[in-house]
Amino acid sequence: MPKEKVRCINCNKKVHLYGIKCKCDKIFCYSCLDIIKHGCTYNYKIENQYLLKKRETIQHIKVDKI
């Protein structure tokens, strides 16, 4: 059974060890990884809003004096 060849989705280049997986679950070569270039479907705005809300809740924890 032959091994499956991993290729970039955009340019169809072979990317064995240096293939980069985007957050949209597709594999790209380094030159095609740009979000605008490959039309990424992952919503970074919602992820960043979630992270900001998470940081705000951590900062508002009251610390008791010793």
PDB file of N, CA and C in Angstrom:
ATOM      1  N   MET A   1       0.842  -1.182   0.000  1.00  0.00           N
ATOM      2  CA  MET A   1       0.000   0.000   0.000  1.00  0.00           C
ATOM      3  C   MET A   1       0.885   1.243   0.000  1.00  0.00           C
ATOM      4  N   PRO A   2       0.839   2.079  -1.059  1.00  0.00           N
ATOM      5  CA  PRO A   2       1.701   3.262  -1.135  1.00  0.00           C
ATOM      6  C   PRO A   2       1.249   4.341  -0.158  1.00  0.00           C
ATOM      7  N   LYS A   3       2.240   5.139   0.292  1.00  0.00           N
ATOM      8  CA  LYS A   3       1.933   6.239   1.196  1.00  0.00           C
ATOM      9  C   LYS A   3       1.228   7.359   0.437  1.00  0.00           C
ATOM     10  N   GLU A   4       0.329   8.030   1.130  1.00  0.00           N
ATOM     11  CA  GLU A   4      -0.388   9.142   0.507  1.00  0.00           C
ATOM     12  C   GLU A   4       0.540  10.353   0.425  1.00  0.00           C
ATOM     13  N   LYS A   5       0.622  10.972  -0.740  1.00  0.00           N
ATOM     14  CA  LYS A   5       1.473  12.140  -0.920  1.00  0.00           C
ATOM     15  C   LYS A   5       0.733  13.384  -0.438  1.00  0.00           C
ATOM     16  N   VAL A   6       1.385  14.125   0.430  1.00  0.00           N
ATOM     17  CA  VAL A   6       0.779  15.335   0.972  1.00  0.00           C
ATOM     18  C   VAL A   6       1.145  16.489   0.058  1.00  0.00           C
ATOM     19  N   ARG A   7       0.122  17.210  -0.396  1.00  0.00           N
ATOM     20  CA  ARG A   7       0.331  18.318  -1.325  1.00  0.00           C
ATOM     21  C   ARG A   7      -0.383  19.572  -0.862  1.00  0.00           C
ATOM     22  N   CYS A   8       0.127  20.713  -1.302  1.00  0.00           N
ATOM     23  CA  CYS A   8      -0.495  22.004  -1.013  1.00  0.00           C
ATOM     24  C   CYS A   8      -1.821  22.081  -1.774  1.00  0.00           C
ATOM     25  N   ILE A   9      -2.834  22.628  -1.127  1.00  0.00           N
ATOM     26  CA  ILE A   9      -4.161  22.732  -1.733  1.00  0.00           C
ATOM     27  C   ILE A   9      -4.160  23.730  -2.896  1.00  0.00           C
ATOM     28  N   ASN A  10      -3.407  24.830  -2.773  1.00  0.00           N
ATOM     29  CA  ASN A  10      -3.419  25.874  -3.812  1.00  0.00           C
ATOM     30  C   ASN A  10      -2.560  25.538  -5.020  1.00  0.00           C
ATOM     31  N   CYS A  11      -1.276  25.266  -4.782  1.00  0.00           N
ATOM     32  CA  CYS A  11      -0.342  25.127  -5.912  1.00  0.00           C
ATOM     33  C   CYS A  11       0.016  23.681  -6.235  1.00  0.00           C
ATOM     34  N   ASN A  12      -0.480  22.724  -5.452  1.00  0.00           N
ATOM     35  CA  ASN A  12      -0.273  21.296  -5.685  1.00  0.00           C
ATOM     36  C   ASN A  12       1.195  20.874  -5.561  1.00  0.00           C
ATOM     37  N   LYS A  13       1.991  21.630  -4.801  1.00  0.00           N
ATOM     38  CA  LYS A  13       3.383  21.280  -4.537  1.00  0.00           C
ATOM     39  C   LYS A  13       3.436  20.171  -3.491  1.00  0.00           C
ATOM     40  N   LYS A  14       4.443  19.315  -3.575  1.00  0.00           N
ATOM     41  CA  LYS A  14       4.625  18.288  -2.554  1.00  0.00           C
ATOM     42  C   LYS A  14       5.152  18.955  -1.282  1.00  0.00           C
ATOM     43  N   VAL A  15       4.507  18.683  -0.176  1.00  0.00           N
ATOM     44  CA  VAL A  15       4.935  19.246   1.107  1.00  0.00           C
ATOM     45  C   VAL A  15       4.994  18.118   2.138  1.00  0.00           C
ATOM     46  N   HIS A  16       6.094  17.395   2.154  1.00  0.00           N
ATOM     47  CA  HIS A  16       6.216  16.240   3.043  1.00  0.00           C
ATOM     48  C   HIS A  16       6.367  16.680   4.491  1.00  0.00           C
ATOM     49  N   LEU A  17       7.501  17.243   4.837  1.00  0.00           N
ATOM     50  CA  LEU A  17       7.781  17.607   6.222  1.00  0.00           C
ATOM     51  C   LEU A  17       7.453  19.058   6.531  1.00  0.00           C
ATOM     52  N   TYR A  18       7.465  19.918   5.534  1.00  0.00           N
ATOM     53  CA  TYR A  18       7.303  21.343   5.800  1.00  0.00           C
ATOM     54  C   TYR A  18       5.903  21.854   5.467  1.00  0.00           C
ATOM     55  N   GLY A  19       4.956  20.975   5.304  1.00  0.00           N
ATOM     56  CA  GLY A  19       3.575  21.400   5.078  1.00  0.00           C
ATOM     57  C   GLY A  19       2.996  22.005   6.339  1.00  0.00           C
ATOM     58  N   ILE A  20       2.305  23.111   6.213  1.00  0.00           N
ATOM     59  CA  ILE A  20       1.751  23.821   7.361  1.00  0.00           C
ATOM     60  C   ILE A  20       0.236  23.693   7.325  1.00  0.00           C
ATOM     61  N   LYS A  21      -0.336  23.274   8.448  1.00  0.00           N
ATOM     62  CA  LYS A  21      -1.789  23.102   8.526  1.00  0.00           C
ATOM     63  C   LYS A  21      -2.402  24.391   9.061  1.00  0.00           C
ATOM     64  N   CYS A  22      -3.314  24.953   8.301  1.00  0.00           N
ATOM     65  CA  CYS A  22      -4.009  26.178   8.689  1.00  0.00           C
ATOM     66  C   CYS A  22      -5.141  25.815   9.648  1.00  0.00           C
ATOM     67  N   LYS A  23      -5.722  26.808  10.292  1.00  0.00           N
ATOM     68  CA  LYS A  23      -6.835  26.566  11.209  1.00  0.00           C
ATOM     69  C   LYS A  23      -8.100  26.144  10.471  1.00  0.00           C
ATOM     70  N   CYS A  24      -8.130  26.299   9.165  1.00  0.00           N
ATOM     71  CA  CYS A  24      -9.277  25.827   8.383  1.00  0.00           C
ATOM     72  C   CYS A  24      -9.102  24.363   7.976  1.00  0.00           C
ATOM     73  N   ASP A  25      -8.120  23.665   8.579  1.00  0.00           N
ATOM     74  CA  ASP A  25      -7.853  22.236   8.387  1.00  0.00           C
ATOM     75  C   ASP A  25      -7.424  21.869   6.974  1.00  0.00           C
ATOM     76  N   LYS A  26      -6.684  22.735   6.324  1.00  0.00           N
ATOM     77  CA  LYS A  26      -6.118  22.436   5.012  1.00  0.00           C
ATOM     78  C   LYS A  26      -4.605  22.590   5.107  1.00  0.00           C
ATOM     79  N   ILE A  27      -3.862  21.858   4.280  1.00  0.00           N
ATOM     80  CA  ILE A  27      -2.406  21.889   4.316  1.00  0.00           C
ATOM     81  C   ILE A  27      -1.899  22.756   3.163  1.00  0.00           C
ATOM     82  N   PHE A  28      -0.934  23.648   3.483  1.00  0.00           N
ATOM     83  CA  PHE A  28      -0.386  24.576   2.504  1.00  0.00           C
ATOM     84  C   PHE A  28       1.130  24.586   2.575  1.00  0.00           C
ATOM     85  N   CYS A  29       1.762  25.011   1.468  1.00  0.00           N
ATOM     86  CA  CYS A  29       3.190  25.270   1.495  1.00  0.00           C
ATOM     87  C   CYS A  29       3.379  26.661   2.105  1.00  0.00           C
ATOM     88  N   TYR A  30       4.618  27.026   2.375  1.00  0.00           N
ATOM     89  CA  TYR A  30       4.878  28.285   3.068  1.00  0.00           C
ATOM     90  C   TYR A  30       4.424  29.495   2.245  1.00  0.00           C
ATOM     91  N   SER A  31       4.566  29.445   0.937  1.00  0.00           N
ATOM     92  CA  SER A  31       4.207  30.597   0.103  1.00  0.00           C
ATOM     93  C   SER A  31       2.695  30.774  -0.046  1.00  0.00           C
ATOM     94  N   CYS A  32       1.915  29.729   0.133  1.00  0.00           N
ATOM     95  CA  CYS A  32       0.460  29.808  -0.025  1.00  0.00           C
ATOM     96  C   CYS A  32      -0.280  29.962   1.301  1.00  0.00           C
ATOM     97  N   LEU A  33       0.434  30.050   2.418  1.00  0.00           N
ATOM     98  CA  LEU A  33      -0.215  30.062   3.729  1.00  0.00           C
ATOM     99  C   LEU A  33      -0.944  31.366   4.028  1.00  0.00           C
ATOM    100  N   ASP A  34      -0.653  32.445   3.315  1.00  0.00           N
ATOM    101  CA  ASP A  34      -1.295  33.740   3.569  1.00  0.00           C
ATOM    102  C   ASP A  34      -2.820  33.579   3.564  1.00  0.00           C
ATOM    103  N   ILE A  35      -3.463  34.127   4.590  1.00  0.00           N
ATOM    104  CA  ILE A  35      -4.906  33.957   4.781  1.00  0.00           C
ATOM    105  C   ILE A  35      -5.708  34.497   3.600  1.00  0.00           C
ATOM    106  N   ILE A  36      -5.327  35.640   3.093  1.00  0.00           N
ATOM    107  CA  ILE A  36      -6.046  36.250   1.977  1.00  0.00           C
ATOM    108  C   ILE A  36      -5.807  35.463   0.689  1.00  0.00           C
ATOM    109  N   LYS A  37      -4.597  34.944   0.529  1.00  0.00           N
ATOM    110  CA  LYS A  37      -4.244  34.235  -0.697  1.00  0.00           C
ATOM    111  C   LYS A  37      -5.045  32.941  -0.869  1.00  0.00           C
ATOM    112  N   HIS A  38      -5.273  32.200   0.219  1.00  0.00           N
ATOM    113  CA  HIS A  38      -5.994  30.930   0.069  1.00  0.00           C
ATOM    114  C   HIS A  38      -7.459  31.032   0.478  1.00  0.00           C
ATOM    115  N   GLY A  39      -7.944  32.209   0.820  1.00  0.00           N
ATOM    116  CA  GLY A  39      -9.359  32.373   1.123  1.00  0.00           C
ATOM    117  C   GLY A  39      -9.787  31.561   2.334  1.00  0.00           C
ATOM    118  N   CYS A  40      -9.128  31.777   3.445  1.00  0.00           N
ATOM    119  CA  CYS A  40      -9.377  30.999   4.660  1.00  0.00           C
ATOM    120  C   CYS A  40     -10.813  31.193   5.137  1.00  0.00           C
ATOM    121  N   THR A  41     -11.436  30.082   5.536  1.00  0.00           N
ATOM    122  CA  THR A  41     -12.817  30.131   5.999  1.00  0.00           C
ATOM    123  C   THR A  41     -12.915  30.205   7.517  1.00  0.00           C
ATOM    124  N   TYR A  42     -11.779  30.131   8.218  1.00  0.00           N
ATOM    125  CA  TYR A  42     -11.784  30.174   9.678  1.00  0.00           C
ATOM    126  C   TYR A  42     -12.059  31.602  10.134  1.00  0.00           C
ATOM    127  N   ASN A  43     -12.890  31.769  11.149  1.00  0.00           N
ATOM    128  CA  ASN A  43     -13.267  33.092  11.633  1.00  0.00           C
ATOM    129  C   ASN A  43     -12.351  33.493  12.787  1.00  0.00           C
ATOM    130  N   TYR A  44     -11.302  34.265  12.483  1.00  0.00           N
ATOM    131  CA  TYR A  44     -10.337  34.701  13.476  1.00  0.00           C
ATOM    132  C   TYR A  44     -10.923  35.761  14.402  1.00  0.00           C
ATOM    133  N   LYS A  45     -11.884  36.533  13.922  1.00  0.00           N
ATOM    134  CA  LYS A  45     -12.476  37.611  14.711  1.00  0.00           C
ATOM    135  C   LYS A  45     -13.189  37.051  15.944  1.00  0.00           C
ATOM    136  N   ILE A  46     -13.970  36.001  15.769  1.00  0.00           N
ATOM    137  CA  ILE A  46     -14.688  35.401  16.896  1.00  0.00           C
ATOM    138  C   ILE A  46     -13.700  34.781  17.888  1.00  0.00           C
ATOM    139  N   GLU A  47     -12.650  34.144  17.388  1.00  0.00           N
ATOM    140  CA  GLU A  47     -11.656  33.549  18.271  1.00  0.00           C
ATOM    141  C   GLU A  47     -10.968  34.616  19.121  1.00  0.00           C
ATOM    142  N   ASN A  48     -10.594  35.739  18.498  1.00  0.00           N
ATOM    143  CA  ASN A  48      -9.919  36.804  19.227  1.00  0.00           C
ATOM    144  C   ASN A  48     -10.841  37.461  20.250  1.00  0.00           C
ATOM    145  N   GLN A  49     -12.124  37.609  19.928  1.00  0.00           N
ATOM    146  CA  GLN A  49     -13.074  38.158  20.890  1.00  0.00           C
ATOM    147  C   GLN A  49     -13.191  37.244  22.102  1.00  0.00           C
ATOM    148  N   TYR A  50     -13.227  35.950  21.872  1.00  0.00           N
ATOM    149  CA  TYR A  50     -13.296  34.981  22.971  1.00  0.00           C
ATOM    150  C   TYR A  50     -12.063  35.082  23.869  1.00  0.00           C
ATOM    151  N   LEU A  51     -10.869  35.194  23.250  1.00  0.00           N
ATOM    152  CA  LEU A  51      -9.641  35.289  24.032  1.00  0.00           C
ATOM    153  C   LEU A  51      -9.601  36.571  24.862  1.00  0.00           C
ATOM    154  N   LEU A  52     -10.089  37.673  24.304  1.00  0.00           N
ATOM    155  CA  LEU A  52     -10.121  38.932  25.052  1.00  0.00           C
ATOM    156  C   LEU A  52     -11.063  38.838  26.248  1.00  0.00           C
ATOM    157  N   LYS A  53     -12.217  38.235  26.069  1.00  0.00           N
ATOM    158  CA  LYS A  53     -13.157  38.059  27.180  1.00  0.00           C
ATOM    159  C   LYS A  53     -12.561  37.172  28.262  1.00  0.00           C
ATOM    160  N   LYS A  54     -11.838  36.157  27.857  1.00  0.00           N
ATOM    161  CA  LYS A  54     -11.212  35.250  28.802  1.00  0.00           C
ATOM    162  C   LYS A  54     -10.152  35.982  29.622  1.00  0.00           C
ATOM    163  N   ARG A  55      -9.367  36.850  28.996  1.00  0.00           N
ATOM    164  CA  ARG A  55      -8.342  37.617  29.701  1.00  0.00           C
ATOM    165  C   ARG A  55      -8.959  38.592  30.690  1.00  0.00           C
ATOM    166  N   GLU A  56     -10.084  39.207  30.314  1.00  0.00           N
ATOM    167  CA  GLU A  56     -10.742  40.156  31.204  1.00  0.00           C
ATOM    168  C   GLU A  56     -11.211  39.477  32.487  1.00  0.00           C
ATOM    169  N   THR A  57     -11.740  38.281  32.392  1.00  0.00           N
ATOM    170  CA  THR A  57     -12.228  37.596  33.586  1.00  0.00           C
ATOM    171  C   THR A  57     -11.078  37.191  34.497  1.00  0.00           C
ATOM    172  N   ILE A  58      -9.937  36.882  33.934  1.00  0.00           N
ATOM    173  CA  ILE A  58      -8.780  36.509  34.741  1.00  0.00           C
ATOM    174  C   ILE A  58      -8.233  37.721  35.492  1.00  0.00           C
ATOM    175  N   GLN A  59      -8.239  38.897  34.911  1.00  0.00           N
ATOM    176  CA  GLN A  59      -7.676  40.089  35.535  1.00  0.00           C
ATOM    177  C   GLN A  59      -8.543  40.620  36.669  1.00  0.00           C
ATOM    178  N   HIS A  60      -9.804  40.297  36.731  1.00  0.00           N
ATOM    179  CA  HIS A  60     -10.687  40.842  37.732  1.00  0.00           C
ATOM    180  C   HIS A  60     -10.790  39.989  38.996  1.00  0.00           C
ATOM    181  N   ILE A  61      -9.911  39.036  39.162  1.00  0.00           N
ATOM    182  CA  ILE A  61      -9.915  38.203  40.362  1.00  0.00           C
ATOM    183  C   ILE A  61      -9.308  39.008  41.507  1.00  0.00           C
ATOM    184  N   LYS A  62      -9.991  39.080  42.615  1.00  0.00           N
ATOM    185  CA  LYS A  62      -9.521  39.853  43.749  1.00  0.00           C
ATOM    186  C   LYS A  62      -8.460  39.059  44.508  1.00  0.00           C
ATOM    187  N   VAL A  63      -7.393  39.743  44.905  1.00  0.00           N
ATOM    188  CA  VAL A  63      -6.307  39.119  45.641  1.00  0.00           C
ATOM    189  C   VAL A  63      -6.425  39.547  47.104  1.00  0.00           C
ATOM    190  N   ASP A  64      -6.407  38.581  48.008  1.00  0.00           N
ATOM    191  CA  ASP A  64      -6.470  38.883  49.438  1.00  0.00           C
ATOM    192  C   ASP A  64      -5.123  39.393  49.939  1.00  0.00           C
ATOM    193  N   LYS A  65      -5.186  40.357  50.861  1.00  0.00           N
ATOM    194  CA  LYS A  65      -3.958  40.864  51.469  1.00  0.00           C
ATOM    195  C   LYS A  65      -3.454  39.888  52.511  1.00  0.00           C
ATOM    196  N   ILE A  66      -2.149  39.829  52.629  1.00  0.00           N
ATOM    197  CA  ILE A  66      -1.549  38.927  53.625  1.00  0.00           C
ATOM    198  C   ILE A  66      -1.391  39.632  54.948  1.00  0.00           C
TER     199      ILE A  66
END
